């Protein structure tokens, strides 16, 4: 079974006494969130990992159908994700935040999650 170190709410590794591992459904949810929040080209070891947040998504007049397609593809191509059942994008132009809420089917069952990108 796949597993990894558990991250805190700021997506940082928990170090010290609180260090623990995640597996199964919790691992898959954490993996999807990390993939969605990775900026394309951010990781030097794999320049193709991530989403084009600054070049295609968080632009003045984003094409929301393109954005939805990019996000759907990212979620569906995450290990252990079988399908995305629903997705909702809510763009807050004043605060420059994109909220993504989705429901997906994984090897371990259904899960709902949300990710917010942008803001200060």
N, C-alpha and C. Protein backbone atom coordinates (compact mmCIF):
# COMPACT_ATOMS: atom_id res chain seq x y z
N UNK A 1 0.85 -1.18 0.00
CA UNK A 1 0.00 0.00 0.00
C UNK A 1 0.89 1.24 0.00
N UNK A 2 0.49 2.21 -0.78
CA UNK A 2 1.23 3.47 -0.85
C UNK A 2 1.02 4.26 0.42
N UNK A 3 2.08 4.93 0.85
CA UNK A 3 1.98 5.79 2.02
C UNK A 3 3.05 6.87 1.95
N UNK A 4 2.90 7.88 2.77
CA UNK A 4 3.83 9.00 2.79
C UNK A 4 3.74 9.67 4.15
N UNK A 5 4.62 10.64 4.38
CA UNK A 5 4.56 11.39 5.62
C UNK A 5 3.35 12.31 5.61
N UNK A 6 2.72 12.43 6.75
CA UNK A 6 1.55 13.29 6.89
C UNK A 6 2.00 14.75 6.91
N UNK A 7 1.22 15.59 6.23
CA UNK A 7 1.49 17.02 6.19
C UNK A 7 0.48 17.75 7.08
N UNK A 8 0.90 18.90 7.59
CA UNK A 8 -0.02 19.70 8.41
C UNK A 8 -0.91 20.55 7.49
N UNK A 9 -1.71 21.42 8.06
CA UNK A 9 -2.65 22.22 7.27
C UNK A 9 -1.97 23.21 6.33
N UNK A 10 -0.68 23.50 6.57
CA UNK A 10 0.09 24.38 5.69
C UNK A 10 0.89 23.59 4.66
N UNK A 11 0.64 22.30 4.56
CA UNK A 11 1.34 21.38 3.65
C UNK A 11 2.82 21.23 3.98
N UNK A 12 3.17 21.36 5.24
CA UNK A 12 4.54 21.13 5.69
C UNK A 12 4.61 19.78 6.40
N UNK A 13 5.76 19.12 6.28
CA UNK A 13 5.95 17.85 6.97
C UNK A 13 5.95 18.09 8.47
N UNK A 14 5.26 17.24 9.18
CA UNK A 14 5.22 17.32 10.64
C UNK A 14 6.48 16.64 11.16
N UNK A 15 7.31 17.40 11.86
CA UNK A 15 8.57 16.88 12.37
C UNK A 15 8.50 16.78 13.88
N UNK A 16 9.12 15.76 14.42
CA UNK A 16 9.16 15.60 15.88
C UNK A 16 8.17 14.55 16.32
N UNK A 17 7.63 14.74 17.51
CA UNK A 17 6.72 13.76 18.09
C UNK A 17 5.45 13.56 17.28
N UNK A 18 5.06 14.54 16.53
CA UNK A 18 3.83 14.43 15.75
C UNK A 18 4.02 13.76 14.40
N UNK A 19 5.24 13.37 14.06
CA UNK A 19 5.50 12.74 12.76
C UNK A 19 4.71 11.45 12.65
N UNK A 20 4.01 11.34 11.55
CA UNK A 20 3.22 10.13 11.30
C UNK A 20 3.11 9.92 9.80
N UNK A 21 2.60 8.78 9.42
CA UNK A 21 2.41 8.46 8.01
C UNK A 21 0.92 8.43 7.67
N UNK A 22 0.63 8.66 6.40
CA UNK A 22 -0.73 8.51 5.90
C UNK A 22 -0.73 7.42 4.84
N UNK A 23 -1.85 6.75 4.72
CA UNK A 23 -2.00 5.69 3.73
C UNK A 23 -3.45 5.67 3.27
N UNK A 24 -3.71 4.89 2.25
CA UNK A 24 -5.08 4.70 1.79
C UNK A 24 -5.73 5.99 1.32
N UNK A 25 -6.96 6.19 1.75
CA UNK A 25 -7.74 7.34 1.30
C UNK A 25 -7.09 8.66 1.71
N UNK A 26 -6.59 8.74 2.94
CA UNK A 26 -5.96 9.97 3.41
C UNK A 26 -4.72 10.31 2.58
N UNK A 27 -3.96 9.29 2.20
CA UNK A 27 -2.79 9.48 1.33
C UNK A 27 -3.21 10.05 -0.02
N UNK A 28 -4.27 9.48 -0.61
CA UNK A 28 -4.74 9.92 -1.92
C UNK A 28 -5.21 11.37 -1.88
N UNK A 29 -5.97 11.73 -0.84
CA UNK A 29 -6.45 13.12 -0.71
C UNK A 29 -5.27 14.07 -0.59
N UNK A 30 -4.28 13.72 0.22
CA UNK A 30 -3.11 14.57 0.39
C UNK A 30 -2.34 14.70 -0.92
N UNK A 31 -2.21 13.62 -1.65
CA UNK A 31 -1.50 13.63 -2.92
C UNK A 31 -2.20 14.52 -3.95
N UNK A 32 -3.52 14.42 -4.04
CA UNK A 32 -4.28 15.25 -4.99
C UNK A 32 -4.10 16.73 -4.65
N UNK A 33 -4.25 17.07 -3.37
CA UNK A 33 -4.10 18.48 -2.96
C UNK A 33 -2.71 19.00 -3.31
N UNK A 34 -1.68 18.20 -3.05
CA UNK A 34 -0.32 18.66 -3.35
C UNK A 34 -0.11 18.84 -4.84
N UNK A 35 -0.65 17.94 -5.65
CA UNK A 35 -0.52 18.09 -7.10
C UNK A 35 -1.23 19.35 -7.58
N UNK A 36 -2.41 19.61 -7.05
CA UNK A 36 -3.16 20.80 -7.47
C UNK A 36 -2.47 22.09 -7.07
N UNK A 37 -1.78 22.10 -5.96
CA UNK A 37 -1.14 23.32 -5.47
C UNK A 37 0.29 23.52 -5.99
N UNK A 38 0.79 22.57 -6.74
CA UNK A 38 2.13 22.70 -7.30
C UNK A 38 2.08 23.55 -8.57
N UNK A 39 2.94 24.54 -8.64
CA UNK A 39 3.02 25.42 -9.80
C UNK A 39 3.90 24.74 -10.85
N UNK A 40 3.44 24.73 -12.09
CA UNK A 40 4.18 24.12 -13.19
C UNK A 40 5.62 24.65 -13.22
N UNK A 41 6.58 23.73 -13.22
CA UNK A 41 7.99 24.09 -13.26
C UNK A 41 8.60 24.38 -11.90
N UNK A 42 7.81 24.31 -10.84
CA UNK A 42 8.29 24.63 -9.50
C UNK A 42 9.35 23.64 -9.00
N UNK A 43 9.16 22.36 -9.32
CA UNK A 43 10.07 21.34 -8.82
C UNK A 43 11.14 21.07 -9.87
N UNK A 44 12.37 21.36 -9.53
CA UNK A 44 13.48 21.25 -10.49
C UNK A 44 13.69 19.83 -11.00
N UNK A 45 13.36 18.83 -10.17
CA UNK A 45 13.56 17.44 -10.58
C UNK A 45 12.55 16.97 -11.63
N UNK A 46 11.42 17.66 -11.73
CA UNK A 46 10.40 17.32 -12.73
C UNK A 46 9.67 18.59 -13.13
N UNK A 47 10.16 19.24 -14.16
CA UNK A 47 9.60 20.52 -14.62
C UNK A 47 8.19 20.40 -15.20
N UNK A 48 7.72 19.16 -15.49
CA UNK A 48 6.39 18.97 -16.05
C UNK A 48 5.32 18.78 -14.97
N UNK A 49 5.73 18.68 -13.71
CA UNK A 49 4.78 18.50 -12.62
C UNK A 49 4.14 19.83 -12.24
N UNK A 50 2.85 19.81 -12.04
CA UNK A 50 2.15 21.01 -11.58
C UNK A 50 1.21 21.57 -12.62
N UNK A 51 0.53 22.63 -12.21
CA UNK A 51 -0.44 23.32 -13.07
C UNK A 51 0.08 24.71 -13.44
N UNK A 52 -0.28 25.20 -14.62
CA UNK A 52 0.18 26.53 -15.06
C UNK A 52 -0.63 27.65 -14.38
N UNK A 53 -0.53 27.73 -13.06
CA UNK A 53 -1.32 28.68 -12.29
C UNK A 53 -1.13 30.12 -12.75
N UNK A 54 0.11 30.52 -12.99
CA UNK A 54 0.36 31.93 -13.30
C UNK A 54 0.26 32.25 -14.78
N UNK A 55 0.44 31.27 -15.66
CA UNK A 55 0.40 31.57 -17.08
C UNK A 55 -0.98 31.36 -17.70
N UNK A 56 -1.80 30.43 -17.17
CA UNK A 56 -3.09 30.13 -17.79
C UNK A 56 -4.30 30.23 -16.86
N UNK A 57 -4.08 30.08 -15.57
CA UNK A 57 -5.23 29.99 -14.67
C UNK A 57 -5.51 31.31 -13.95
N UNK A 58 -4.57 31.84 -13.24
CA UNK A 58 -4.78 33.07 -12.47
C UNK A 58 -4.40 34.29 -13.31
N UNK A 59 -5.09 34.43 -14.43
CA UNK A 59 -4.87 35.55 -15.33
C UNK A 59 -6.10 36.46 -15.28
N UNK A 60 -6.01 37.61 -15.94
CA UNK A 60 -7.09 38.60 -15.86
C UNK A 60 -8.44 38.05 -16.29
N UNK A 61 -8.48 37.35 -17.39
CA UNK A 61 -9.75 36.78 -17.89
C UNK A 61 -9.54 35.30 -18.20
N UNK A 62 -9.54 34.46 -17.16
CA UNK A 62 -9.25 33.04 -17.40
C UNK A 62 -10.39 32.36 -18.16
N UNK A 63 -10.02 31.41 -18.99
CA UNK A 63 -10.99 30.57 -19.69
C UNK A 63 -11.34 29.44 -18.72
N UNK A 64 -12.48 29.55 -18.04
CA UNK A 64 -12.83 28.60 -16.99
C UNK A 64 -13.00 27.17 -17.50
N UNK A 65 -13.37 27.00 -18.76
CA UNK A 65 -13.47 25.64 -19.29
C UNK A 65 -12.07 25.03 -19.44
N UNK A 66 -11.09 25.84 -19.84
CA UNK A 66 -9.69 25.38 -19.91
C UNK A 66 -9.19 25.06 -18.50
N UNK A 67 -9.46 25.94 -17.56
CA UNK A 67 -9.03 25.75 -16.18
C UNK A 67 -9.62 24.46 -15.62
N UNK A 68 -10.92 24.26 -15.83
CA UNK A 68 -11.56 23.04 -15.33
C UNK A 68 -10.93 21.80 -15.95
N UNK A 69 -10.64 21.85 -17.24
CA UNK A 69 -10.00 20.72 -17.91
C UNK A 69 -8.63 20.41 -17.35
N UNK A 70 -7.84 21.46 -17.09
CA UNK A 70 -6.50 21.26 -16.52
C UNK A 70 -6.59 20.63 -15.13
N UNK A 71 -7.52 21.13 -14.32
CA UNK A 71 -7.67 20.62 -12.96
C UNK A 71 -8.21 19.19 -12.97
N UNK A 72 -9.20 18.91 -13.81
CA UNK A 72 -9.73 17.55 -13.94
C UNK A 72 -8.63 16.57 -14.34
N UNK A 73 -7.84 16.95 -15.31
CA UNK A 73 -6.75 16.09 -15.77
C UNK A 73 -5.75 15.83 -14.65
N UNK A 74 -5.43 16.86 -13.89
CA UNK A 74 -4.49 16.72 -12.78
C UNK A 74 -5.03 15.74 -11.74
N UNK A 75 -6.30 15.88 -11.39
CA UNK A 75 -6.89 14.99 -10.39
C UNK A 75 -6.95 13.56 -10.92
N UNK A 76 -7.46 13.39 -12.14
CA UNK A 76 -7.63 12.05 -12.71
C UNK A 76 -6.30 11.32 -12.90
N UNK A 77 -5.23 12.06 -13.12
CA UNK A 77 -3.92 11.44 -13.34
C UNK A 77 -3.13 11.25 -12.05
N UNK A 78 -3.80 11.38 -10.92
CA UNK A 78 -3.17 11.13 -9.63
C UNK A 78 -3.31 9.64 -9.32
N UNK A 79 -2.21 9.01 -8.87
CA UNK A 79 -2.31 7.59 -8.51
C UNK A 79 -3.45 7.33 -7.53
N UNK A 80 -4.16 6.23 -7.76
CA UNK A 80 -5.26 5.74 -6.92
C UNK A 80 -6.57 6.49 -7.13
N UNK A 81 -6.61 7.51 -8.00
CA UNK A 81 -7.87 8.17 -8.34
C UNK A 81 -8.45 7.47 -9.57
N UNK A 82 -9.68 7.01 -9.45
CA UNK A 82 -10.32 6.29 -10.54
C UNK A 82 -11.17 7.20 -11.41
N UNK A 83 -11.84 8.19 -10.79
CA UNK A 83 -12.71 9.08 -11.56
C UNK A 83 -13.03 10.32 -10.73
N UNK A 84 -13.39 11.38 -11.42
CA UNK A 84 -13.87 12.60 -10.76
C UNK A 84 -15.36 12.68 -11.05
N UNK A 85 -16.16 12.69 -9.99
CA UNK A 85 -17.61 12.66 -10.13
C UNK A 85 -18.22 14.04 -10.26
N UNK A 86 -17.62 15.02 -9.60
CA UNK A 86 -18.11 16.40 -9.73
C UNK A 86 -16.98 17.36 -9.41
N UNK A 87 -17.12 18.55 -9.98
CA UNK A 87 -16.12 19.59 -9.72
C UNK A 87 -16.82 20.94 -9.77
N UNK A 88 -16.40 21.84 -8.90
CA UNK A 88 -16.96 23.18 -8.89
C UNK A 88 -15.82 24.17 -8.73
N UNK A 89 -15.78 25.17 -9.60
CA UNK A 89 -14.78 26.23 -9.52
C UNK A 89 -15.48 27.51 -9.11
N UNK A 90 -14.93 28.19 -8.12
CA UNK A 90 -15.48 29.48 -7.68
C UNK A 90 -14.34 30.49 -7.68
N UNK A 91 -14.41 31.41 -8.60
CA UNK A 91 -13.36 32.42 -8.74
C UNK A 91 -13.75 33.69 -8.00
N UNK A 92 -12.95 34.06 -7.04
CA UNK A 92 -13.14 35.30 -6.28
C UNK A 92 -12.15 36.31 -6.88
N UNK A 93 -12.65 37.12 -7.83
CA UNK A 93 -11.77 38.06 -8.54
C UNK A 93 -11.23 39.15 -7.64
N UNK A 94 -12.02 39.59 -6.67
CA UNK A 94 -11.56 40.66 -5.77
C UNK A 94 -10.35 40.25 -4.94
N UNK A 95 -10.36 39.01 -4.45
CA UNK A 95 -9.26 38.52 -3.62
C UNK A 95 -8.28 37.66 -4.40
N UNK A 96 -8.55 37.48 -5.69
CA UNK A 96 -7.69 36.69 -6.57
C UNK A 96 -7.45 35.28 -6.03
N UNK A 97 -8.58 34.60 -5.73
CA UNK A 97 -8.55 33.25 -5.19
C UNK A 97 -9.46 32.36 -6.04
N UNK A 98 -8.96 31.18 -6.37
CA UNK A 98 -9.77 30.18 -7.06
C UNK A 98 -10.01 29.04 -6.07
N UNK A 99 -11.27 28.81 -5.74
CA UNK A 99 -11.65 27.69 -4.88
C UNK A 99 -12.12 26.54 -5.75
N UNK A 100 -11.51 25.38 -5.55
CA UNK A 100 -11.85 24.18 -6.30
C UNK A 100 -12.42 23.16 -5.31
N UNK A 101 -13.65 22.74 -5.54
CA UNK A 101 -14.28 21.72 -4.72
C UNK A 101 -14.62 20.56 -5.65
N UNK A 102 -14.31 19.34 -5.21
CA UNK A 102 -14.57 18.20 -6.08
C UNK A 102 -14.87 16.95 -5.27
N UNK A 103 -15.51 16.01 -5.96
CA UNK A 103 -15.77 14.69 -5.40
C UNK A 103 -15.15 13.69 -6.36
N UNK A 104 -14.42 12.74 -5.82
CA UNK A 104 -13.74 11.77 -6.67
C UNK A 104 -13.86 10.37 -6.09
N UNK A 105 -13.63 9.40 -6.94
CA UNK A 105 -13.64 8.00 -6.56
C UNK A 105 -12.20 7.51 -6.58
N UNK A 106 -11.78 6.88 -5.50
CA UNK A 106 -10.41 6.35 -5.43
C UNK A 106 -10.46 4.84 -5.20
N UNK A 107 -9.30 4.24 -5.16
CA UNK A 107 -9.19 2.81 -4.85
C UNK A 107 -9.79 2.50 -3.48
N UNK A 108 -9.89 3.51 -2.62
CA UNK A 108 -10.38 3.31 -1.25
C UNK A 108 -11.77 3.91 -1.03
N UNK A 109 -12.44 4.32 -2.07
CA UNK A 109 -13.79 4.85 -1.93
C UNK A 109 -13.91 6.30 -2.35
N UNK A 110 -15.09 6.85 -2.11
CA UNK A 110 -15.38 8.24 -2.47
C UNK A 110 -14.74 9.21 -1.49
N UNK A 111 -14.38 10.37 -2.02
CA UNK A 111 -13.91 11.44 -1.14
C UNK A 111 -14.25 12.78 -1.75
N UNK A 112 -14.45 13.76 -0.87
CA UNK A 112 -14.66 15.14 -1.26
C UNK A 112 -13.51 15.95 -0.72
N UNK A 113 -13.11 16.95 -1.47
CA UNK A 113 -12.02 17.80 -1.02
C UNK A 113 -12.14 19.17 -1.66
N UNK A 114 -11.39 20.09 -1.13
CA UNK A 114 -11.35 21.42 -1.73
C UNK A 114 -9.94 22.00 -1.58
N UNK A 115 -9.60 22.85 -2.53
CA UNK A 115 -8.30 23.50 -2.57
C UNK A 115 -8.54 24.94 -2.96
N UNK A 116 -7.83 25.84 -2.32
CA UNK A 116 -7.91 27.26 -2.68
C UNK A 116 -6.53 27.70 -3.11
N UNK A 117 -6.45 28.36 -4.27
CA UNK A 117 -5.17 28.85 -4.76
C UNK A 117 -5.25 30.35 -4.93
N UNK A 118 -4.22 31.03 -4.47
CA UNK A 118 -4.13 32.48 -4.64
C UNK A 118 -4.35 33.19 -3.33
N UNK A 119 -4.63 34.47 -3.44
CA UNK A 119 -4.84 35.29 -2.25
C UNK A 119 -3.52 35.69 -1.62
N UNK A 120 -3.63 36.31 -0.46
CA UNK A 120 -2.41 36.77 0.20
C UNK A 120 -2.08 35.93 1.40
